[in-house]
Amino acid sequence: MSVEAAIVFTGGGTGGHIYPGLAVAAELRKTFRGRLVWLGSKKDSDRRAVEAAGLEFVAIPSGKLRRELSLENLVDVFRVVAGYFAARRALRQIRPMLVFSKGGYVSVPPCRAAADLGIPVFTHESDLTPGLATRLNAARADKVLVAWERTREAFPATVRPRVEVVGNPMRKAILEGDAGRGRALLRVPEGLPVVLAMGGSQGARQINRLILGALSELGGRVFVVHQTGEARAGSDDGRGAATDAGADGPPSPSSYRALPFIGEELPDIMAAADIVVSRAGAGALQEAAALGKPLILVPLAGSGTRGDQVDNAGLFEEAGAARVLLGETANSATLAATILAWLADPKAAREAGKAAAALVRTDSAARVARLILDRIGETP
């Protein structure tokens, strides 16, 4: 019995690991007629996103790869081992021509199982500095795809010949947004500039508090659209705190809009934004920069992170594409002052937007898809 040609994707845990992979899958679909299957975590959000894009989804056990000492590490060792054997069984059944990893802890067992089975592995790293999962996957990957030339030097000399700079895959829909539709959707008053503040799909407590604390200073001079995160929509650092945002009372409903999550409307809303306030995750940076938006970045920092967002933010700040609020500067007063300074100097804001756009490329998903098709012998 013949087996249908297939390509397996793996990765997950956050939208930053899912959506770039789905962008590559969309490009592959233009030519590849076989199965596209995703091996991912048991998180419902991962399954929903993948299946909504039309890919098959197979959940496997997954354990986090922690650097710090923790009793959870012992439990997760067993989860990783279980994930390896579950991935191996799935790969033997699917018999894919290639496995493409978008990173995250869930990707390590499938990549190791694929390598052990002689299946080619491509792994992609979005951040400036590679994470532990990418480092592990890279050891046996046929190709290590990265977003930035500087990332190549972070790998051992034995890996560097297999590193290729391709940029960060992104959803094409981001480039198709309409600013007029976005302003109409948000009901932005005529003449008010728009500031989009977002902390990722889950929201970010720090950004929420900074935004809400800045509203009284921003007054009616800007329209703020604020993605709070669904988990924080009613909390003291999300939409529920809007009435306590400023010393002079609540923000005007005509100049502030809190949304728990921005989904299909994001391209139009981002197109309407004059300034974007964001964490410094690779996906958010890619999409805002591709549209030439000046950025105010509040990177995730501290002992609970490997510092990847700080590194990403530094790259954009160094290029003149962003202003970074970190440490003592990450406060509401500085945020409000930075927003107002850019609005008072449109030329400086435009130059920052141009610098952001110059950093990224918008054809990365197509480039990755072509590399995959070349490897499996398909003609694009």
Protein backbone atom coordinates (compact mmCIF):
# COMPACT_ATOMS: atom_id res chain seq x y z
CA MET A 1 0.00 0.00 0.00
CA SER A 2 1.39 3.38 -0.98
CA VAL A 3 1.87 6.05 1.66
CA GLU A 4 0.78 9.62 0.93
CA ALA A 5 3.64 12.12 0.83
CA ALA A 6 3.78 14.17 4.01
CA ILE A 7 5.67 16.96 5.75
CA VAL A 8 5.56 17.17 9.53
CA PHE A 9 5.72 20.42 11.49
CA THR A 10 6.52 20.60 15.16
CA GLY A 11 6.76 23.28 17.83
CA GLY A 12 4.41 25.12 20.08
CA GLY A 13 3.66 26.42 23.51
CA THR A 14 3.19 30.01 22.31
CA GLY A 15 1.79 31.74 19.23
CA GLY A 16 5.35 32.76 18.39
CA HIS A 17 6.12 29.10 17.69
CA ILE A 18 2.84 28.33 15.93
CA TYR A 19 2.02 31.17 13.55
CA PRO A 20 5.38 31.36 11.72
CA GLY A 21 5.12 27.62 11.06
CA LEU A 22 1.61 28.06 9.73
CA ALA A 23 2.89 30.79 7.42
CA VAL A 24 5.38 28.29 5.97
CA ALA A 25 2.61 25.70 5.64
CA ALA A 26 0.49 28.18 3.68
CA GLU A 27 3.36 28.70 1.22
CA LEU A 28 3.93 24.95 0.87
CA ARG A 29 0.26 24.43 0.05
CA LYS A 30 0.73 26.37 -3.17
CA THR A 31 2.75 23.48 -4.57
CA PHE A 32 2.84 20.51 -2.20
CA ARG A 33 -0.23 18.26 -2.46
CA GLY A 34 0.56 15.81 0.31
CA ARG A 35 -0.33 15.79 4.00
CA LEU A 36 0.75 18.55 6.38
CA VAL A 37 0.77 17.25 9.95
CA TRP A 38 1.68 19.11 13.15
CA LEU A 39 3.13 17.31 16.16
CA GLY A 40 2.42 19.61 19.07
CA SER A 41 1.70 19.92 22.75
CA LYS A 42 -1.57 19.03 24.41
CA LYS A 43 -2.49 22.70 24.82
CA ASP A 44 -5.94 23.39 23.39
CA SER A 45 -4.78 26.75 22.01
CA ASP A 46 -2.11 25.05 19.89
CA ARG A 47 -4.58 22.53 18.49
CA ARG A 48 -7.18 25.21 17.72
CA ALA A 49 -4.72 27.41 15.83
CA VAL A 50 -3.29 24.54 13.79
CA GLU A 51 -6.59 22.92 12.91
CA ALA A 52 -8.11 26.29 12.02
CA ALA A 53 -5.33 26.57 9.42
CA GLY A 54 -6.32 23.20 7.96
CA LEU A 55 -3.42 21.05 9.19
CA GLU A 56 -3.76 17.71 10.94
CA PHE A 57 -2.76 17.87 14.59
CA VAL A 58 -1.24 15.09 16.68
CA ALA A 59 -0.67 15.85 20.38
CA ILE A 60 2.33 14.35 22.16
CA PRO A 61 3.54 14.58 25.77
CA SER A 62 5.92 17.47 26.34
CA GLY A 63 8.07 18.68 29.20
CA LYS A 64 9.73 22.06 29.63
CA LEU A 65 13.48 22.39 29.34
CA ARG A 66 14.47 24.44 32.38
CA ARG A 67 17.93 25.77 33.06
CA GLU A 68 17.28 26.35 36.76
CA LEU A 69 17.12 23.65 39.40
CA SER A 70 13.55 22.56 40.01
CA LEU A 71 11.69 19.48 41.19
CA GLU A 72 9.58 19.90 38.04
CA ASN A 73 12.64 18.91 36.03
CA LEU A 74 12.37 15.34 37.31
CA VAL A 75 8.75 15.04 36.19
CA ASP A 76 9.51 16.70 32.88
CA VAL A 77 12.30 14.23 32.11
CA PHE A 78 9.66 11.50 31.96
CA ARG A 79 7.41 13.70 29.83
CA VAL A 80 10.23 14.35 27.36
CA VAL A 81 11.00 10.64 27.13
CA ALA A 82 7.29 9.88 26.62
CA GLY A 83 7.20 12.59 23.97
CA TYR A 84 10.12 11.00 22.15
CA PHE A 85 8.44 7.60 21.90
CA ALA A 86 5.06 9.12 20.98
CA ALA A 87 6.73 11.20 18.26
CA ARG A 88 8.66 8.18 17.01
CA ARG A 89 5.44 6.14 16.70
CA ALA A 90 3.69 8.99 14.87
CA LEU A 91 6.61 9.52 12.49
CA ARG A 92 6.83 5.81 11.68
CA GLN A 93 3.14 5.88 10.80
CA ILE A 94 3.16 9.14 8.83
CA ARG A 95 6.55 8.51 7.18
CA PRO A 96 7.16 12.20 6.35
CA MET A 97 9.67 13.39 3.80
CA LEU A 98 10.91 16.06 6.23
CA VAL A 99 10.29 17.47 9.71
CA PHE A 100 10.24 21.26 10.10
CA SER A 101 10.62 22.57 13.64
CA LYS A 102 9.59 26.03 14.72
CA GLY A 103 11.10 25.57 18.15
CA GLY A 104 9.84 25.45 21.69
CA TYR A 105 10.29 22.63 24.16
CA VAL A 106 7.71 20.40 22.45
CA SER A 107 9.85 20.27 19.29
CA VAL A 108 12.84 18.47 20.84
CA PRO A 109 11.44 14.90 21.04
CA PRO A 110 10.08 14.92 17.44
CA CYS A 111 13.34 16.32 16.05
CA ARG A 112 15.41 13.72 17.91
CA ALA A 113 13.04 10.93 16.84
CA ALA A 114 13.16 12.09 13.21
CA ALA A 115 16.96 12.17 13.21
CA ASP A 116 17.07 8.68 14.70
CA LEU A 117 14.72 7.47 11.94
CA GLY A 118 16.79 9.08 9.19
CA ILE A 119 14.18 11.74 8.38
CA PRO A 120 15.64 15.14 7.37
CA VAL A 121 15.13 17.89 9.97
CA PHE A 122 15.02 21.65 9.43
CA THR A 123 14.82 23.83 12.54
CA HIS A 124 14.12 27.57 12.66
CA GLU A 125 15.09 30.13 15.32
CA SER A 126 13.27 33.47 15.38
CA ASP A 127 15.18 35.24 18.15
CA LEU A 128 18.57 36.89 17.92
CA THR A 129 19.95 34.40 20.45
CA PRO A 130 18.98 30.73 20.03
CA GLY A 131 17.02 29.03 22.76
CA LEU A 132 17.87 25.71 24.38
CA ALA A 133 15.41 23.79 22.17
CA THR A 134 17.00 25.17 19.00
CA ARG A 135 20.50 24.38 20.27
CA LEU A 136 19.48 20.79 20.94
CA ASN A 137 17.68 20.44 17.61
CA ALA A 138 20.54 22.06 15.68
CA ALA A 139 22.99 19.36 16.73
CA ARG A 140 21.34 16.88 14.36
CA ALA A 141 19.40 19.10 11.95
CA ASP A 142 20.15 19.12 8.23
CA LYS A 143 19.56 22.88 8.16
CA VAL A 144 19.43 25.49 10.91
CA LEU A 145 17.40 28.46 9.70
CA VAL A 146 17.79 31.78 11.51
CA ALA A 147 16.40 35.30 11.25
CA TRP A 148 19.61 37.27 11.78
CA GLU A 149 23.16 36.96 10.46
CA ARG A 150 24.50 37.62 13.95
CA THR A 151 22.76 34.48 15.22
CA ARG A 152 25.13 32.26 13.22
CA GLU A 153 27.95 33.05 15.64
CA ALA A 154 25.93 31.75 18.58
CA PHE A 155 26.29 28.16 17.30
CA PRO A 156 29.35 25.90 17.57
CA ALA A 157 31.73 25.89 14.61
CA THR A 158 30.50 22.42 13.66
CA VAL A 159 26.94 23.72 13.21
CA ARG A 160 27.64 27.01 11.40
CA PRO A 161 28.04 25.49 7.90
CA ARG A 162 24.43 24.29 8.18
CA VAL A 163 23.08 27.69 9.24
CA GLU A 164 21.15 29.76 6.69
CA VAL A 165 19.71 33.23 7.25
CA VAL A 166 16.12 33.41 6.02
CA GLY A 167 14.38 35.98 8.23
CA ASN A 168 11.21 35.32 10.22
CA PRO A 169 8.16 33.78 8.52
CA MET A 170 5.03 35.82 9.03
CA ARG A 171 1.36 35.75 8.15
CA LYS A 172 0.73 37.46 4.80
CA ALA A 173 -2.51 38.87 6.14
CA ILE A 174 -0.51 41.34 8.23
CA LEU A 175 0.59 43.07 5.03
CA GLU A 176 -2.99 43.33 3.77
CA GLY A 177 -4.47 45.46 6.55
CA ASP A 178 -6.35 48.67 5.86
CA ALA A 179 -5.82 51.65 8.16
CA GLY A 180 -9.23 53.13 7.34
CA ARG A 181 -10.97 49.90 8.25
CA GLY A 182 -8.96 49.71 11.44
CA ARG A 183 -9.89 53.23 12.54
CA ALA A 184 -13.53 52.59 11.70
CA LEU A 185 -13.53 49.30 13.61
CA LEU A 186 -12.09 51.01 16.69
CA ARG A 187 -14.26 54.12 16.25
CA VAL A 188 -11.24 56.41 16.45
CA PRO A 189 -12.21 60.10 16.51
CA GLU A 190 -11.09 62.08 13.49
CA GLY A 191 -7.53 63.42 13.80
CA LEU A 192 -6.41 61.37 16.80
CA PRO A 193 -3.22 59.30 16.28
CA VAL A 194 -3.44 55.64 17.31
CA VAL A 195 -1.16 53.83 19.77
CA LEU A 196 -1.44 50.03 19.75
CA ALA A 197 -0.30 48.38 22.98
CA MET A 198 -0.01 44.61 23.20
CA GLY A 199 1.79 42.06 25.32
CA GLY A 200 1.30 38.91 23.26
CA SER A 201 -1.71 36.62 23.03
CA GLN A 202 -1.73 36.12 26.82
CA GLY A 203 -1.24 39.77 27.65
CA ALA A 204 1.53 41.17 29.82
CA ARG A 205 0.92 42.44 33.34
CA GLN A 206 3.79 44.94 33.12
CA ILE A 207 2.64 46.51 29.86
CA ASN A 208 -0.95 46.65 31.08
CA ARG A 209 0.05 48.59 34.16
CA LEU A 210 2.33 50.93 32.22
CA ILE A 211 -0.41 51.73 29.72
CA LEU A 212 -3.09 52.29 32.32
CA GLY A 213 -0.74 54.49 34.32
CA ALA A 214 0.08 56.58 31.25
CA LEU A 215 -3.51 57.29 30.18
CA SER A 216 -3.99 60.38 32.33
CA GLU A 217 -0.87 61.99 30.82
CA LEU A 218 -1.85 61.03 27.29
CA GLY A 219 -5.28 62.52 27.90
CA GLY A 220 -7.29 62.95 24.72
CA ARG A 221 -4.18 63.50 22.60
CA VAL A 222 -4.00 59.90 21.37
CA PHE A 223 -6.31 56.96 20.90
CA VAL A 224 -4.97 53.91 22.76
CA VAL A 225 -6.08 50.43 21.69
CA HIS A 226 -4.91 48.02 24.36
CA GLN A 227 -4.77 44.24 24.04
CA THR A 228 -4.95 43.19 27.68
CA GLY A 229 -4.86 39.40 27.25
CA GLU A 230 -7.91 37.24 27.88
CA ALA A 231 -6.69 36.08 31.29
CA ARG A 232 -6.28 39.69 32.46
CA ALA A 233 -9.36 41.28 30.91
CA GLY A 234 -11.14 41.73 34.21
CA SER A 235 -8.16 41.94 36.53
CA ASP A 236 -6.58 44.90 38.27
CA ASP A 237 -3.98 45.20 35.51
CA GLY A 238 -6.35 44.81 32.56
CA ARG A 239 -9.56 46.32 31.33
CA GLY A 240 -11.15 46.31 34.75
CA ALA A 241 -8.59 48.87 35.93
CA ALA A 242 -9.38 51.40 33.25
CA THR A 243 -11.56 53.45 35.55
CA ASP A 244 -8.61 53.80 37.94
CA ALA A 245 -6.11 54.65 35.25
CA GLY A 246 -5.41 58.26 36.01
CA ALA A 247 -5.35 60.67 38.89
CA ASP A 248 -7.91 62.83 37.11
CA GLY A 249 -10.41 60.02 36.64
CA PRO A 250 -11.12 57.39 34.02
CA PRO A 251 -9.87 57.67 30.46
CA SER A 252 -12.30 59.03 27.95
CA PRO A 253 -14.19 56.19 26.24
CA SER A 254 -13.53 58.03 22.98
CA SER A 255 -9.75 57.73 23.37
CA TYR A 256 -9.23 54.27 24.93
CA ARG A 257 -10.30 50.81 23.84
CA ALA A 258 -9.38 47.65 25.75
CA LEU A 259 -9.63 44.32 23.95
CA PRO A 260 -8.86 40.99 25.63
CA PHE A 261 -7.56 39.54 22.37
CA ILE A 262 -7.10 40.84 18.84
CA GLY A 263 -7.60 38.13 16.25
CA GLU A 264 -8.52 38.52 12.60
CA GLU A 265 -8.78 42.29 13.07
CA LEU A 266 -5.07 42.64 13.86
CA PRO A 267 -3.92 43.51 10.30
CA ASP A 268 -6.38 46.42 10.08
CA ILE A 269 -5.70 47.62 13.63
CA MET A 270 -1.93 47.43 13.16
CA ALA A 271 -2.22 49.27 9.84
CA ALA A 272 -4.07 52.05 11.69
CA ALA A 273 -1.45 52.33 14.44
CA ASP A 274 0.97 55.26 14.41
CA ILE A 275 3.08 53.77 17.23
CA VAL A 276 3.25 50.22 18.60
CA VAL A 277 4.03 49.47 22.25
CA SER A 278 4.98 45.84 22.66
CA ARG A 279 7.03 43.13 24.26
CA ALA A 280 10.04 42.15 22.17
CA GLY A 281 9.04 38.67 21.06
CA ALA A 282 10.27 37.88 17.57
CA GLY A 283 6.80 37.51 16.06
CA ALA A 284 5.47 40.83 17.31
CA LEU A 285 8.65 42.60 16.19
CA GLN A 286 8.48 41.03 12.74
CA GLU A 287 4.90 42.03 12.07
CA ALA A 288 5.12 45.59 13.36
CA ALA A 289 8.46 46.19 11.64
CA ALA A 290 7.21 44.81 8.33
CA LEU A 291 4.61 47.59 8.37
CA GLY A 292 7.20 50.22 9.22
CA LYS A 293 5.83 51.05 12.67
CA PRO A 294 7.98 52.94 15.18
CA LEU A 295 8.30 50.75 18.25
CA ILE A 296 8.38 51.27 22.00
CA LEU A 297 9.57 47.98 23.46
CA VAL A 298 9.19 46.69 26.99
CA PRO A 299 11.09 43.40 26.80
CA LEU A 300 10.42 40.56 29.18
CA ALA A 301 13.40 40.52 31.53
CA GLY A 302 14.55 39.03 34.80
CA SER A 303 15.34 35.65 36.30
CA GLY A 304 12.36 33.91 34.70
CA THR A 305 13.59 34.47 31.15
CA ARG A 306 16.73 33.63 29.18
CA GLY A 307 17.00 37.25 28.07
CA ASP A 308 15.99 36.68 24.44
CA GLN A 309 13.59 39.63 24.39
CA VAL A 310 16.23 41.96 25.81
CA ASP A 311 18.58 40.85 23.02
CA ASN A 312 15.87 41.31 20.37
CA ALA A 313 15.02 44.77 21.70
CA GLY A 314 18.68 45.77 21.74
CA LEU A 315 19.02 44.86 18.07
CA PHE A 316 16.11 47.13 17.13
CA GLU A 317 17.28 49.95 19.40
CA GLU A 318 20.78 49.76 17.93
CA ALA A 319 19.29 50.17 14.43
CA GLY A 320 17.27 53.23 15.48
CA ALA A 321 14.00 51.32 15.03
CA ALA A 322 12.82 51.32 18.62
CA ARG A 323 13.01 52.92 22.00
CA VAL A 324 13.44 50.41 24.80
CA LEU A 325 12.05 50.75 28.31
CA LEU A 326 13.98 48.50 30.65
CA GLY A 327 14.72 48.55 34.36
CA GLU A 328 14.14 51.98 35.91
CA THR A 329 12.97 53.48 32.61
CA ALA A 330 10.08 50.99 32.37
CA ASN A 331 7.52 53.25 34.01
CA SER A 332 4.31 54.97 32.94
CA ALA A 333 5.77 58.48 32.95
CA THR A 334 8.60 57.52 30.58
CA LEU A 335 6.19 55.63 28.35
CA ALA A 336 3.85 58.61 28.06
CA ALA A 337 6.77 60.98 27.45
CA THR A 338 8.19 58.72 24.72
CA ILE A 339 4.84 58.46 22.94
CA LEU A 340 4.28 62.22 23.08
CA ALA A 341 7.84 62.98 21.93
CA TRP A 342 7.37 60.88 18.80
CA LEU A 343 3.99 62.44 18.08
CA ALA A 344 5.59 65.87 18.41
CA ASP A 345 8.35 64.87 15.97
CA PRO A 346 6.69 62.94 13.11
CA LYS A 347 9.92 62.94 11.11
CA ALA A 348 11.76 61.06 13.88
CA ALA A 349 8.88 58.58 14.15
CA ARG A 350 8.94 58.01 10.38
CA GLU A 351 12.69 57.42 10.43
CA ALA A 352 12.28 54.85 13.20
CA GLY A 353 9.58 53.12 11.18
CA LYS A 354 11.82 53.02 8.11
CA ALA A 355 14.66 51.59 10.18
CA ALA A 356 12.33 48.89 11.51
CA ALA A 357 11.16 47.95 8.01
CA ALA A 358 14.77 47.77 6.79
CA LEU A 359 15.62 45.19 9.47
CA VAL A 360 13.14 42.54 8.35
CA ARG A 361 12.14 40.76 5.19
CA THR A 362 8.59 39.84 4.21
CA ASP A 363 9.32 36.84 1.98
CA SER A 364 10.73 34.56 4.68
CA ALA A 365 7.89 32.04 4.64
CA ALA A 366 8.30 31.58 0.89
CA ARG A 367 12.08 31.23 1.27
CA VAL A 368 11.69 28.50 3.90
CA ALA A 369 9.08 26.71 1.80
CA ARG A 370 11.43 26.71 -1.20
CA LEU A 371 14.26 25.25 0.88
CA ILE A 372 11.95 22.47 2.10
CA LEU A 373 10.72 21.70 -1.42
CA ASP A 374 14.27 21.65 -2.74
CA ARG A 375 15.29 19.20 -0.03
CA ILE A 376 12.45 16.77 -0.71
CA GLY A 377 12.83 17.02 -4.47
CA GLU A 378 9.59 18.89 -5.21
CA THR A 379 9.57 21.59 -7.89
CA PRO A 380 8.16 24.91 -6.63
